[in-house]
Amino acid sequence: MNYQIEFKALAIKDMDGLPREMARRILDKAGALRNSLSGDVKKR
């Protein structure tokens, strides 16, 4: 089952201030969660 990952505007703004490699790792991890919700997940 696939899920939709949404980032709040503040999170996007904060990510813009991060080093590019760190932001890439965050996006890669979020993309992996989209497919299976494996890892540390806060479910609502």
C-alpha atoms as a PDB file:
ATOM      1  CA  MET A   1       0.000   0.000   0.000  1.00  0.00           C
ATOM      2  CA  ASN A   2       1.322   3.443  -0.895  1.00  0.00           C
ATOM      3  CA  TYR A   3       0.888   6.494   1.305  1.00  0.00           C
ATOM      4  CA  GLN A   4       1.154  10.200   0.615  1.00  0.00           C
ATOM      5  CA  ILE A   5       3.850  12.111   2.492  1.00  0.00           C
ATOM      6  CA  GLU A   6       3.088  15.771   3.140  1.00  0.00           C
ATOM      7  CA  PHE A   7       5.492  18.356   4.517  1.00  0.00           C
ATOM      8  CA  LYS A   8       4.204  21.470   6.232  1.00  0.00           C
ATOM      9  CA  ALA A   9       5.386  24.818   4.859  1.00  0.00           C
ATOM     10  CA  LEU A  10       7.607  25.420   7.895  1.00  0.00           C
ATOM     11  CA  ALA A  11       9.299  22.045   7.401  1.00  0.00           C
ATOM     12  CA  ILE A  12      10.036  22.886   3.768  1.00  0.00           C
ATOM     13  CA  LYS A  13      11.429  26.271   4.779  1.00  0.00           C
ATOM     14  CA  ASP A  14      13.615  24.637   7.444  1.00  0.00           C
ATOM     15  CA  MET A  15      14.835  22.046   4.958  1.00  0.00           C
ATOM     16  CA  ASP A  16      15.952  24.844   2.621  1.00  0.00           C
ATOM     17  CA  GLY A  17      18.393  25.943   5.334  1.00  0.00           C
ATOM     18  CA  LEU A  18      19.973  22.503   5.695  1.00  0.00           C
ATOM     19  CA  PRO A  19      23.053  21.324   3.835  1.00  0.00           C
ATOM     20  CA  ARG A  20      22.024  19.725   0.555  1.00  0.00           C
ATOM     21  CA  GLU A  21      23.241  16.234   1.526  1.00  0.00           C
ATOM     22  CA  MET A  22      21.278  16.280   4.787  1.00  0.00           C
ATOM     23  CA  ALA A  23      18.085  17.414   3.030  1.00  0.00           C
ATOM     24  CA  ARG A  24      18.567  14.656   0.441  1.00  0.00           C
ATOM     25  CA  ARG A  25      18.837  12.005   3.191  1.00  0.00           C
ATOM     26  CA  ILE A  26      15.615  13.263   4.792  1.00  0.00           C
ATOM     27  CA  LEU A  27      13.762  13.133   1.483  1.00  0.00           C
ATOM     28  CA  ASP A  28      15.124   9.664   0.726  1.00  0.00           C
ATOM     29  CA  LYS A  29      13.926   8.363   4.106  1.00  0.00           C
ATOM     30  CA  ALA A  30      10.503   9.959   3.622  1.00  0.00           C
ATOM     31  CA  GLY A  31      10.261   8.327   0.202  1.00  0.00           C
ATOM     32  CA  ALA A  32      11.028   4.924   1.718  1.00  0.00           C
ATOM     33  CA  LEU A  33       8.275   5.423   4.294  1.00  0.00           C
ATOM     34  CA  ARG A  34       5.799   6.141   1.525  1.00  0.00           C
ATOM     35  CA  ASN A  35       5.910   2.542   0.353  1.00  0.00           C
ATOM     36  CA  SER A  36       5.636   0.558   3.552  1.00  0.00           C
ATOM     37  CA  LEU A  37       5.579   2.849   6.607  1.00  0.00           C
ATOM     38  CA  SER A  38       8.543   0.934   7.991  1.00  0.00           C
ATOM     39  CA  GLY A  39      10.826   2.606  10.499  1.00  0.00           C
ATOM     40  CA  ASP A  40       9.975   5.264  13.064  1.00  0.00           C
ATOM     41  CA  VAL A  41       6.488   6.444  12.134  1.00  0.00           C
ATOM     42  CA  LYS A  42       3.921   8.524  13.967  1.00  0.00           C
ATOM     43  CA  LYS A  43       0.561   7.299  12.719  1.00  0.00           C
ATOM     44  CA  ARG A  44      -2.479   9.536  13.103  1.00  0.00           C
END
